[in-house]
Amino acid sequence: MRNPNNILLLICLITIVLFSTECQNYRKLPTIDSDNYINDSLAENYWNNFKFSDSTIRAVDVESSFASYARLLYGLPYKDAIKAEFRLIKVLNESCTSVYKVFMDMAEKYFYNPQSGLCDDELYRPFLKNAVNNKKLDYATRERLQYRLEINGRNRPGDQAIDFIYETIDGKNSSLYGIRSKYVLVYFNNPDCHDCKIVCEELKRNSQISRLVSNNILKILSVYPDRDKRMWIKNAKSIPVNWINAIDSTGNIKDDNIYDLKAIPTLYLLDVNKRVVLKDASFKKLINFMLHIA
């Protein structure tokens, strides 16, 4: 008869060996060192099982999937989102023409159209740069997109914003670069625009914005980029007295596309050196950034 103690000892040894092996295997697993690791990986592999070779695919077939993909990218840091986009674009370059066009149309709809809620020039740029040189598109389309790419490249995050002259409500002229502040929020708006009134009220009500303005950390430059002085003066009281109430009476901002104003209102946040921090930012993105300013 076997010694029960020996059997118990053997079981313990086997358990220890198995546990040790499992621990070794566990240590070989990748470590998640970023809050964005999972979403980043999901974005890169999002289209792995998609049949890019299927020439019968239409926009309606990918609309829902691309919408989810766009929201995923919108929540990632640019470097991670653009890395995922490059992977998709590489596959699109090898796909049939019809599928390529469907995806380019989707990119335009979600990242270029300001009504999408996900409009973002930096997320649109990789698709745009690829499209202007891609023979899958006709010459006229590529020429149109080439001009769009040129405008897209102005006032990008990290670049110095293009200076411009404005007129204040007291009739004096000044320039964007003449403003001295740690941050400058350029708020392009039309005083007769419904969405502008909503954003203006949100800016006025936000306690963090108000605190930064009161402490001279932030200056808000409200710019009416049209020549209708009568409308501008009529609505002057809607702009707080501690903001800079301005008009581009020359019309250069819109005429020369100095700033890409696809829609109004448009928000640009600049730092002390007039470098672009946020371009065409949503109110939510602006506030999220402002919350980290002391």
C-alpha atoms as a PDB file:
ATOM      1  CA  MET A   1       0.000   0.000   0.000  1.00  0.00           C
ATOM      2  CA  ARG A   2       1.322   3.361  -0.992  1.00  0.00           C
ATOM      3  CA  ASN A   3       2.237   5.888   1.665  1.00  0.00           C
ATOM      4  CA  PRO A   4      -0.495   8.594   1.737  1.00  0.00           C
ATOM      5  CA  ASN A   5       2.087  11.187   2.681  1.00  0.00           C
ATOM      6  CA  ASN A   6       4.107  10.412  -0.452  1.00  0.00           C
ATOM      7  CA  ILE A   7       0.998  10.729  -2.607  1.00  0.00           C
ATOM      8  CA  LEU A   8       0.146  14.080  -0.976  1.00  0.00           C
ATOM      9  CA  LEU A   9       3.714  15.270  -1.525  1.00  0.00           C
ATOM     10  CA  LEU A  10       3.552  14.259  -5.184  1.00  0.00           C
ATOM     11  CA  ILE A  11       0.298  16.159  -5.671  1.00  0.00           C
ATOM     12  CA  CYS A  12       1.804  19.261  -4.080  1.00  0.00           C
ATOM     13  CA  LEU A  13       4.868  19.068  -6.337  1.00  0.00           C
ATOM     14  CA  ILE A  14       2.706  18.708  -9.455  1.00  0.00           C
ATOM     15  CA  THR A  15       0.569  21.681  -8.359  1.00  0.00           C
ATOM     16  CA  ILE A  16       3.650  23.837  -7.798  1.00  0.00           C
ATOM     17  CA  VAL A  17       5.083  22.928 -11.217  1.00  0.00           C
ATOM     18  CA  LEU A  18       1.796  23.687 -12.977  1.00  0.00           C
ATOM     19  CA  PHE A  19       1.383  26.972 -11.099  1.00  0.00           C
ATOM     20  CA  SER A  20       4.950  27.963 -11.921  1.00  0.00           C
ATOM     21  CA  THR A  21       4.385  27.226 -15.621  1.00  0.00           C
ATOM     22  CA  GLU A  22       1.190  29.259 -15.638  1.00  0.00           C
ATOM     23  CA  CYS A  23       2.994  32.181 -13.984  1.00  0.00           C
ATOM     24  CA  GLN A  24       5.731  32.074 -16.620  1.00  0.00           C
ATOM     25  CA  ASN A  25       3.139  32.074 -19.378  1.00  0.00           C
ATOM     26  CA  TYR A  26       1.300  34.940 -17.712  1.00  0.00           C
ATOM     27  CA  ARG A  27       4.434  37.066 -17.570  1.00  0.00           C
ATOM     28  CA  LYS A  28       4.842  36.656 -21.333  1.00  0.00           C
ATOM     29  CA  LEU A  29       1.508  38.376 -22.001  1.00  0.00           C
ATOM     30  CA  PRO A  30       1.720  41.933 -23.373  1.00  0.00           C
ATOM     31  CA  THR A  31       1.440  44.651 -20.764  1.00  0.00           C
ATOM     32  CA  ILE A  32      -1.207  47.342 -21.210  1.00  0.00           C
ATOM     33  CA  ASP A  33       0.732  50.528 -20.521  1.00  0.00           C
ATOM     34  CA  SER A  34      -1.813  53.048 -21.840  1.00  0.00           C
ATOM     35  CA  ASP A  35      -5.482  53.798 -21.348  1.00  0.00           C
ATOM     36  CA  ASN A  36      -5.776  53.835 -25.121  1.00  0.00           C
ATOM     37  CA  TYR A  37      -4.114  50.448 -25.715  1.00  0.00           C
ATOM     38  CA  ILE A  38      -7.325  48.513 -26.314  1.00  0.00           C
ATOM     39  CA  ASN A  39      -8.966  51.139 -28.523  1.00  0.00           C
ATOM     40  CA  ASP A  40      -5.721  51.693 -30.408  1.00  0.00           C
ATOM     41  CA  SER A  41      -5.428  47.981 -31.182  1.00  0.00           C
ATOM     42  CA  LEU A  42      -9.111  47.756 -32.117  1.00  0.00           C
ATOM     43  CA  ALA A  43      -8.774  50.694 -34.520  1.00  0.00           C
ATOM     44  CA  GLU A  44      -5.756  49.153 -36.273  1.00  0.00           C
ATOM     45  CA  ASN A  45      -7.472  45.797 -36.725  1.00  0.00           C
ATOM     46  CA  TYR A  46     -10.990  47.094 -37.267  1.00  0.00           C
ATOM     47  CA  TRP A  47     -11.216  46.137 -40.962  1.00  0.00           C
ATOM     48  CA  ASN A  48      -9.328  42.820 -40.802  1.00  0.00           C
ATOM     49  CA  ASN A  49     -12.279  40.706 -41.933  1.00  0.00           C
ATOM     50  CA  PHE A  50     -13.693  43.140 -44.467  1.00  0.00           C
ATOM     51  CA  LYS A  51     -13.825  41.935 -48.095  1.00  0.00           C
ATOM     52  CA  PHE A  52     -12.134  44.816 -49.919  1.00  0.00           C
ATOM     53  CA  SER A  53     -12.124  42.781 -53.126  1.00  0.00           C
ATOM     54  CA  ASP A  54     -15.937  42.792 -53.357  1.00  0.00           C
ATOM     55  CA  SER A  55     -16.756  45.301 -56.110  1.00  0.00           C
ATOM     56  CA  THR A  56     -20.486  45.156 -55.302  1.00  0.00           C
ATOM     57  CA  ILE A  57     -20.018  46.924 -51.957  1.00  0.00           C
ATOM     58  CA  ARG A  58     -21.931  50.195 -51.693  1.00  0.00           C
ATOM     59  CA  ALA A  59     -21.865  53.073 -49.230  1.00  0.00           C
ATOM     60  CA  VAL A  60     -24.972  51.775 -47.485  1.00  0.00           C
ATOM     61  CA  ASP A  61     -23.128  48.525 -46.756  1.00  0.00           C
ATOM     62  CA  VAL A  62     -20.322  50.207 -44.808  1.00  0.00           C
ATOM     63  CA  GLU A  63     -22.058  53.294 -43.398  1.00  0.00           C
ATOM     64  CA  SER A  64     -22.738  51.891 -39.942  1.00  0.00           C
ATOM     65  CA  SER A  65     -19.306  50.261 -39.624  1.00  0.00           C
ATOM     66  CA  PHE A  66     -17.459  53.372 -40.769  1.00  0.00           C
ATOM     67  CA  ALA A  67     -19.454  55.558 -38.373  1.00  0.00           C
ATOM     68  CA  SER A  68     -18.306  53.385 -35.463  1.00  0.00           C
ATOM     69  CA  TYR A  69     -14.740  53.405 -36.806  1.00  0.00           C
ATOM     70  CA  ALA A  70     -14.809  57.207 -37.083  1.00  0.00           C
ATOM     71  CA  ARG A  71     -15.997  57.587 -33.494  1.00  0.00           C
ATOM     72  CA  LEU A  72     -13.240  55.223 -32.364  1.00  0.00           C
ATOM     73  CA  LEU A  73     -10.561  57.264 -34.145  1.00  0.00           C
ATOM     74  CA  TYR A  74     -12.014  60.541 -32.856  1.00  0.00           C
ATOM     75  CA  GLY A  75     -11.403  59.391 -29.276  1.00  0.00           C
ATOM     76  CA  LEU A  76      -7.759  58.424 -29.826  1.00  0.00           C
ATOM     77  CA  PRO A  77      -4.614  60.586 -29.751  1.00  0.00           C
ATOM     78  CA  TYR A  78      -3.780  61.700 -33.293  1.00  0.00           C
ATOM     79  CA  LYS A  79      -0.653  59.538 -33.554  1.00  0.00           C
ATOM     80  CA  ASP A  80      -2.637  56.376 -32.786  1.00  0.00           C
ATOM     81  CA  ALA A  81      -5.621  57.317 -34.943  1.00  0.00           C
ATOM     82  CA  ILE A  82      -3.472  58.185 -37.961  1.00  0.00           C
ATOM     83  CA  LYS A  83      -1.454  54.984 -37.569  1.00  0.00           C
ATOM     84  CA  ALA A  84      -4.718  53.049 -37.838  1.00  0.00           C
ATOM     85  CA  GLU A  85      -5.792  55.132 -40.843  1.00  0.00           C
ATOM     86  CA  PHE A  86      -2.552  54.399 -42.679  1.00  0.00           C
ATOM     87  CA  ARG A  87      -3.204  50.691 -42.286  1.00  0.00           C
ATOM     88  CA  LEU A  88      -6.681  51.070 -43.789  1.00  0.00           C
ATOM     89  CA  ILE A  89      -5.429  53.284 -46.630  1.00  0.00           C
ATOM     90  CA  LYS A  90      -2.718  50.771 -47.520  1.00  0.00           C
ATOM     91  CA  VAL A  91      -5.401  48.125 -48.030  1.00  0.00           C
ATOM     92  CA  LEU A  92      -7.606  50.563 -49.946  1.00  0.00           C
ATOM     93  CA  ASN A  93      -4.785  51.254 -52.400  1.00  0.00           C
ATOM     94  CA  GLU A  94      -4.866  47.562 -53.319  1.00  0.00           C
ATOM     95  CA  SER A  95      -8.664  47.351 -53.467  1.00  0.00           C
ATOM     96  CA  CYS A  96     -10.921  47.802 -56.482  1.00  0.00           C
ATOM     97  CA  THR A  97     -11.801  51.331 -57.589  1.00  0.00           C
ATOM     98  CA  SER A  98     -15.418  51.211 -56.453  1.00  0.00           C
ATOM     99  CA  VAL A  99     -14.508  50.202 -52.887  1.00  0.00           C
ATOM    100  CA  TYR A 100     -11.774  52.850 -52.752  1.00  0.00           C
ATOM    101  CA  LYS A 101     -14.295  55.524 -53.736  1.00  0.00           C
ATOM    102  CA  VAL A 102     -16.834  54.330 -51.172  1.00  0.00           C
ATOM    103  CA  PHE A 103     -14.308  54.658 -48.345  1.00  0.00           C
ATOM    104  CA  MET A 104     -13.054  58.037 -49.528  1.00  0.00           C
ATOM    105  CA  ASP A 105     -16.644  59.268 -49.612  1.00  0.00           C
ATOM    106  CA  MET A 106     -17.126  57.975 -46.072  1.00  0.00           C
ATOM    107  CA  ALA A 107     -13.959  59.752 -44.892  1.00  0.00           C
ATOM    108  CA  GLU A 108     -15.224  62.986 -46.428  1.00  0.00           C
ATOM    109  CA  LYS A 109     -18.667  62.578 -44.884  1.00  0.00           C
ATOM    110  CA  TYR A 110     -17.426  61.960 -41.357  1.00  0.00           C
ATOM    111  CA  PHE A 111     -14.157  63.909 -41.130  1.00  0.00           C
ATOM    112  CA  TYR A 112     -14.737  66.819 -43.527  1.00  0.00           C
ATOM    113  CA  ASN A 113     -18.455  67.579 -43.283  1.00  0.00           C
ATOM    114  CA  PRO A 114     -18.936  69.855 -40.229  1.00  0.00           C
ATOM    115  CA  GLN A 115     -22.443  68.488 -39.742  1.00  0.00           C
ATOM    116  CA  SER A 116     -21.145  64.997 -38.919  1.00  0.00           C
ATOM    117  CA  GLY A 117     -20.137  65.881 -35.371  1.00  0.00           C
ATOM    118  CA  LEU A 118     -16.781  64.164 -35.985  1.00  0.00           C
ATOM    119  CA  CYS A 119     -15.330  66.727 -38.377  1.00  0.00           C
ATOM    120  CA  ASP A 120     -11.557  66.836 -37.891  1.00  0.00           C
ATOM    121  CA  ASP A 121      -9.006  68.081 -40.423  1.00  0.00           C
ATOM    122  CA  GLU A 122      -6.177  65.995 -38.978  1.00  0.00           C
ATOM    123  CA  LEU A 123      -8.189  62.776 -39.249  1.00  0.00           C
ATOM    124  CA  TYR A 124      -9.266  63.663 -42.781  1.00  0.00           C
ATOM    125  CA  ARG A 125      -5.783  64.627 -43.960  1.00  0.00           C
ATOM    126  CA  PRO A 126      -4.319  61.094 -44.517  1.00  0.00           C
ATOM    127  CA  PHE A 127      -7.275  60.164 -46.754  1.00  0.00           C
ATOM    128  CA  LEU A 128      -7.026  63.478 -48.574  1.00  0.00           C
ATOM    129  CA  LYS A 129      -3.272  63.182 -49.164  1.00  0.00           C
ATOM    130  CA  ASN A 130      -3.726  59.733 -50.631  1.00  0.00           C
ATOM    131  CA  ALA A 131      -6.673  60.717 -52.823  1.00  0.00           C
ATOM    132  CA  VAL A 132      -4.971  63.616 -54.617  1.00  0.00           C
ATOM    133  CA  ASN A 133      -2.392  61.269 -56.177  1.00  0.00           C
ATOM    134  CA  ASN A 134      -4.547  58.186 -56.648  1.00  0.00           C
ATOM    135  CA  LYS A 135      -5.412  57.282 -60.239  1.00  0.00           C
ATOM    136  CA  LYS A 136      -8.543  55.522 -59.050  1.00  0.00           C
ATOM    137  CA  LEU A 137     -10.075  59.016 -59.048  1.00  0.00           C
ATOM    138  CA  ASP A 138     -10.536  61.117 -62.180  1.00  0.00           C
ATOM    139  CA  TYR A 139      -8.390  64.168 -62.868  1.00  0.00           C
ATOM    140  CA  ALA A 140     -11.086  66.739 -62.064  1.00  0.00           C
ATOM    141  CA  THR A 141     -11.766  65.159 -58.675  1.00  0.00           C
ATOM    142  CA  ARG A 142      -8.067  65.052 -57.828  1.00  0.00           C
ATOM    143  CA  GLU A 143      -7.673  68.713 -58.764  1.00  0.00           C
ATOM    144  CA  ARG A 144     -10.596  69.672 -56.516  1.00  0.00           C
ATOM    145  CA  LEU A 145      -9.142  67.672 -53.646  1.00  0.00           C
ATOM    146  CA  GLN A 146      -5.686  69.149 -54.223  1.00  0.00           C
ATOM    147  CA  TYR A 147      -7.070  72.617 -53.460  1.00  0.00           C
ATOM    148  CA  ARG A 148      -8.856  71.220 -50.411  1.00  0.00           C
ATOM    149  CA  LEU A 149      -5.548  69.701 -49.241  1.00  0.00           C
ATOM    150  CA  GLU A 150      -3.858  73.093 -49.571  1.00  0.00           C
ATOM    151  CA  ILE A 151      -6.497  74.713 -47.349  1.00  0.00           C
ATOM    152  CA  ASN A 152      -6.346  71.751 -44.967  1.00  0.00           C
ATOM    153  CA  GLY A 153      -2.626  72.359 -44.498  1.00  0.00           C
ATOM    154  CA  ARG A 154      -3.099  75.879 -43.142  1.00  0.00           C
ATOM    155  CA  ASN A 155      -3.073  76.550 -39.398  1.00  0.00           C
ATOM    156  CA  ARG A 156      -2.529  72.931 -38.399  1.00  0.00           C
ATOM    157  CA  PRO A 157      -1.916  72.010 -34.732  1.00  0.00           C
ATOM    158  CA  GLY A 158       1.673  72.910 -33.897  1.00  0.00           C
ATOM    159  CA  ASP A 159       1.946  75.469 -36.709  1.00  0.00           C
ATOM    160  CA  GLN A 160       2.019  79.203 -36.129  1.00  0.00           C
ATOM    161  CA  ALA A 161      -1.399  80.618 -36.947  1.00  0.00           C
ATOM    162  CA  ILE A 162      -1.629  83.012 -39.882  1.00  0.00           C
ATOM    163  CA  ASP A 163      -1.822  86.599 -38.686  1.00  0.00           C
ATOM    164  CA  PHE A 164      -4.642  88.908 -39.759  1.00  0.00           C
ATOM    165  CA  ILE A 165      -5.851  92.458 -39.173  1.00  0.00           C
ATOM    166  CA  TYR A 166      -9.171  93.111 -37.483  1.00  0.00           C
ATOM    167  CA  GLU A 167     -11.229  96.142 -36.508  1.00  0.00           C
ATOM    168  CA  THR A 168     -12.636  96.485 -32.986  1.00  0.00           C
ATOM    169  CA  ILE A 169     -15.985  97.925 -32.021  1.00  0.00           C
ATOM    170  CA  ASP A 170     -14.383 101.292 -31.199  1.00  0.00           C
ATOM    171  CA  GLY A 171     -13.082 101.595 -34.779  1.00  0.00           C
ATOM    172  CA  LYS A 172      -9.434 100.745 -34.079  1.00  0.00           C
ATOM    173  CA  ASN A 173      -7.352  98.265 -36.085  1.00  0.00           C
ATOM    174  CA  SER A 174      -5.163  95.622 -34.515  1.00  0.00           C
ATOM    175  CA  SER A 175      -3.728  92.207 -35.362  1.00  0.00           C
ATOM    176  CA  LEU A 176      -3.971  88.693 -33.998  1.00  0.00           C
ATOM    177  CA  TYR A 177      -0.249  88.754 -33.172  1.00  0.00           C
ATOM    178  CA  GLY A 178      -0.768  91.969 -31.221  1.00  0.00           C
ATOM    179  CA  ILE A 179      -2.735  90.125 -28.544  1.00  0.00           C
ATOM    180  CA  ARG A 180      -0.641  89.361 -25.455  1.00  0.00           C
ATOM    181  CA  SER A 181      -1.888  86.359 -23.522  1.00  0.00           C
ATOM    182  CA  LYS A 182      -0.846  82.824 -22.577  1.00  0.00           C
ATOM    183  CA  TYR A 183      -3.736  81.547 -24.701  1.00  0.00           C
ATOM    184  CA  VAL A 184      -5.940  83.107 -27.346  1.00  0.00           C
ATOM    185  CA  LEU A 185      -9.267  81.630 -28.353  1.00  0.00           C
ATOM    186  CA  VAL A 186     -10.244  82.797 -31.838  1.00  0.00           C
ATOM    187  CA  TYR A 187     -14.003  82.482 -32.110  1.00  0.00           C
ATOM    188  CA  PHE A 188     -15.120  82.946 -35.730  1.00  0.00           C
ATOM    189  CA  ASN A 189     -18.837  83.634 -35.734  1.00  0.00           C
ATOM    190  CA  ASN A 190     -21.801  85.327 -37.329  1.00  0.00           C
ATOM    191  CA  PRO A 191     -23.941  87.294 -34.837  1.00  0.00           C
ATOM    192  CA  ASP A 192     -27.091  86.246 -36.681  1.00  0.00           C
ATOM    193  CA  CYS A 193     -26.218  82.509 -36.596  1.00  0.00           C
ATOM    194  CA  HIS A 194     -28.245  80.241 -34.286  1.00  0.00           C
ATOM    195  CA  ASP A 195     -25.385  77.812 -33.562  1.00  0.00           C
ATOM    196  CA  CYS A 196     -23.084  80.755 -32.867  1.00  0.00           C
ATOM    197  CA  LYS A 197     -25.453  82.078 -30.231  1.00  0.00           C
ATOM    198  CA  ILE A 198     -25.492  78.665 -28.534  1.00  0.00           C
ATOM    199  CA  VAL A 199     -21.671  78.418 -28.476  1.00  0.00           C
ATOM    200  CA  CYS A 200     -21.363  82.030 -27.319  1.00  0.00           C
ATOM    201  CA  GLU A 201     -23.676  81.352 -24.377  1.00  0.00           C
ATOM    202  CA  GLU A 202     -21.767  78.172 -23.511  1.00  0.00           C
ATOM    203  CA  LEU A 203     -18.491  80.091 -23.496  1.00  0.00           C
ATOM    204  CA  LYS A 204     -19.986  82.804 -21.298  1.00  0.00           C
ATOM    205  CA  ARG A 205     -21.501  80.322 -18.823  1.00  0.00           C
ATOM    206  CA  ASN A 206     -18.478  78.055 -18.463  1.00  0.00           C
ATOM    207  CA  SER A 207     -16.796  78.725 -15.117  1.00  0.00           C
ATOM    208  CA  GLN A 208     -13.330  77.586 -16.234  1.00  0.00           C
ATOM    209  CA  ILE A 209     -13.385  79.837 -19.300  1.00  0.00           C
ATOM    210  CA  SER A 210     -14.602  82.756 -17.188  1.00  0.00           C
ATOM    211  CA  ARG A 211     -11.866  82.171 -14.605  1.00  0.00           C
ATOM    212  CA  LEU A 212      -9.113  82.052 -17.216  1.00  0.00           C
ATOM    213  CA  VAL A 213     -10.391  85.211 -18.899  1.00  0.00           C
ATOM    214  CA  SER A 214     -10.690  87.046 -15.555  1.00  0.00           C
ATOM    215  CA  ASN A 215      -7.115  86.049 -14.645  1.00  0.00           C
ATOM    216  CA  ASN A 216      -5.776  87.207 -18.044  1.00  0.00           C
ATOM    217  CA  ILE A 217      -4.607  83.694 -18.880  1.00  0.00           C
ATOM    218  CA  LEU A 218      -6.991  83.501 -21.826  1.00  0.00           C
ATOM    219  CA  LYS A 219      -8.187  86.176 -24.226  1.00  0.00           C
ATOM    220  CA  ILE A 220     -11.167  85.545 -26.477  1.00  0.00           C
ATOM    221  CA  LEU A 221     -11.099  87.176 -29.903  1.00  0.00           C
ATOM    222  CA  SER A 222     -14.605  87.126 -31.358  1.00  0.00           C
ATOM    223  CA  VAL A 223     -14.267  87.643 -35.110  1.00  0.00           C
ATOM    224  CA  TYR A 224     -17.083  88.320 -37.560  1.00  0.00           C
ATOM    225  CA  PRO A 225     -15.422  87.308 -40.876  1.00  0.00           C
ATOM    226  CA  ASP A 226     -17.772  89.327 -43.104  1.00  0.00           C
ATOM    227  CA  ARG A 227     -18.129  92.966 -44.110  1.00  0.00           C
ATOM    228  CA  ASP A 228     -21.655  93.692 -42.824  1.00  0.00           C
ATOM    229  CA  LYS A 229     -20.788  96.233 -40.131  1.00  0.00           C
ATOM    230  CA  ARG A 230     -24.412  97.143 -39.547  1.00  0.00           C
ATOM    231  CA  MET A 231     -25.265  93.596 -38.367  1.00  0.00           C
ATOM    232  CA  TRP A 232     -22.070  93.393 -36.349  1.00  0.00           C
ATOM    233  CA  ILE A 233     -22.738  96.685 -34.516  1.00  0.00           C
ATOM    234  CA  LYS A 234     -26.405  95.760 -34.007  1.00  0.00           C
ATOM    235  CA  ASN A 235     -25.376  92.611 -32.102  1.00  0.00           C
ATOM    236  CA  ALA A 236     -22.371  94.078 -30.298  1.00  0.00           C
ATOM    237  CA  LYS A 237     -23.982  93.787 -26.861  1.00  0.00           C
ATOM    238  CA  SER A 238     -24.115  89.993 -27.154  1.00  0.00           C
ATOM    239  CA  ILE A 239     -20.311  89.868 -26.805  1.00  0.00           C
ATOM    240  CA  PRO A 240     -18.971  90.257 -23.233  1.00  0.00           C
ATOM    241  CA  VAL A 241     -16.983  93.427 -22.573  1.00  0.00           C
ATOM    242  CA  ASN A 242     -13.922  91.420 -21.504  1.00  0.00           C
ATOM    243  CA  TRP A 243     -13.745  89.731 -24.926  1.00  0.00           C
ATOM    244  CA  ILE A 244     -12.262  91.388 -28.014  1.00  0.00           C
ATOM    245  CA  ASN A 245     -15.204  92.109 -30.329  1.00  0.00           C
ATOM    246  CA  ALA A 246     -13.828  92.290 -33.875  1.00  0.00           C
ATOM    247  CA  ILE A 247     -14.758  92.271 -37.547  1.00  0.00           C
ATOM    248  CA  ASP A 248     -12.695  91.488 -40.623  1.00  0.00           C
ATOM    249  CA  SER A 249     -13.841  94.559 -42.541  1.00  0.00           C
ATOM    250  CA  THR A 250     -11.395  93.754 -45.382  1.00  0.00           C
ATOM    251  CA  GLY A 251     -12.930  90.314 -45.963  1.00  0.00           C
ATOM    252  CA  ASN A 252      -9.478  88.769 -46.373  1.00  0.00           C
ATOM    253  CA  ILE A 253     -10.107  85.849 -44.006  1.00  0.00           C
ATOM    254  CA  LYS A 254     -12.877  84.417 -46.160  1.00  0.00           C
ATOM    255  CA  ASP A 255     -11.812  85.753 -49.572  1.00  0.00           C
ATOM    256  CA  ASP A 256      -8.304  84.313 -49.309  1.00  0.00           C
ATOM    257  CA  ASN A 257      -9.259  81.267 -47.221  1.00  0.00           C
ATOM    258  CA  ILE A 258      -6.714  82.275 -44.602  1.00  0.00           C
ATOM    259  CA  TYR A 259      -8.668  80.106 -42.176  1.00  0.00           C
ATOM    260  CA  ASP A 260     -10.725  77.129 -43.263  1.00  0.00           C
ATOM    261  CA  LEU A 261     -14.228  78.189 -42.232  1.00  0.00           C
ATOM    262  CA  LYS A 262     -16.283  75.256 -43.502  1.00  0.00           C
ATOM    263  CA  ALA A 263     -18.965  76.216 -41.042  1.00  0.00           C
ATOM    264  CA  ILE A 264     -19.697  78.861 -38.451  1.00  0.00           C
ATOM    265  CA  PRO A 265     -18.923  78.970 -35.561  1.00  0.00           C
ATOM    266  CA  THR A 266     -15.298  77.812 -35.702  1.00  0.00           C
ATOM    267  CA  LEU A 267     -12.925  77.740 -32.728  1.00  0.00           C
ATOM    268  CA  TYR A 268      -9.123  77.934 -32.817  1.00  0.00           C
ATOM    269  CA  LEU A 269      -7.044  77.847 -29.642  1.00  0.00           C
ATOM    270  CA  LEU A 270      -3.556  79.390 -29.845  1.00  0.00           C
ATOM    271  CA  ASP A 271      -0.719  79.442 -27.328  1.00  0.00           C
ATOM    272  CA  VAL A 272       1.432  82.393 -26.252  1.00  0.00           C
ATOM    273  CA  ASN A 273       3.531  82.124 -29.449  1.00  0.00           C
ATOM    274  CA  LYS A 274       0.389  81.962 -31.597  1.00  0.00           C
ATOM    275  CA  ARG A 275       0.924  78.306 -32.364  1.00  0.00           C
ATOM    276  CA  VAL A 276      -2.242  76.349 -32.997  1.00  0.00           C
ATOM    277  CA  VAL A 277      -3.182  74.122 -30.068  1.00  0.00           C
ATOM    278  CA  LEU A 278      -6.680  73.178 -31.270  1.00  0.00           C
ATOM    279  CA  LYS A 279      -7.964  73.640 -34.804  1.00  0.00           C
ATOM    280  CA  ASP A 280     -11.674  73.863 -35.584  1.00  0.00           C
ATOM    281  CA  ALA A 281     -12.290  72.390 -32.149  1.00  0.00           C
ATOM    282  CA  SER A 282     -15.599  71.192 -30.783  1.00  0.00           C
ATOM    283  CA  PHE A 283     -16.745  72.900 -27.596  1.00  0.00           C
ATOM    284  CA  LYS A 284     -16.226  69.622 -25.717  1.00  0.00           C
ATOM    285  CA  LYS A 285     -12.596  69.284 -26.877  1.00  0.00           C
ATOM    286  CA  LEU A 286     -11.949  72.901 -25.976  1.00  0.00           C
ATOM    287  CA  ILE A 287     -13.310  72.523 -22.459  1.00  0.00           C
ATOM    288  CA  ASN A 288     -11.448  69.241 -21.905  1.00  0.00           C
ATOM    289  CA  PHE A 289      -8.204  71.032 -22.742  1.00  0.00           C
ATOM    290  CA  MET A 290      -9.055  74.082 -20.628  1.00  0.00           C
ATOM    291  CA  LEU A 291      -9.661  71.951 -17.561  1.00  0.00           C
ATOM    292  CA  HIS A 292      -5.918  71.210 -17.433  1.00  0.00           C
ATOM    293  CA  ILE A 293      -4.886  74.874 -17.407  1.00  0.00           C
ATOM    294  CA  ALA A 294      -4.119  76.196 -13.933  1.00  0.00           C
END
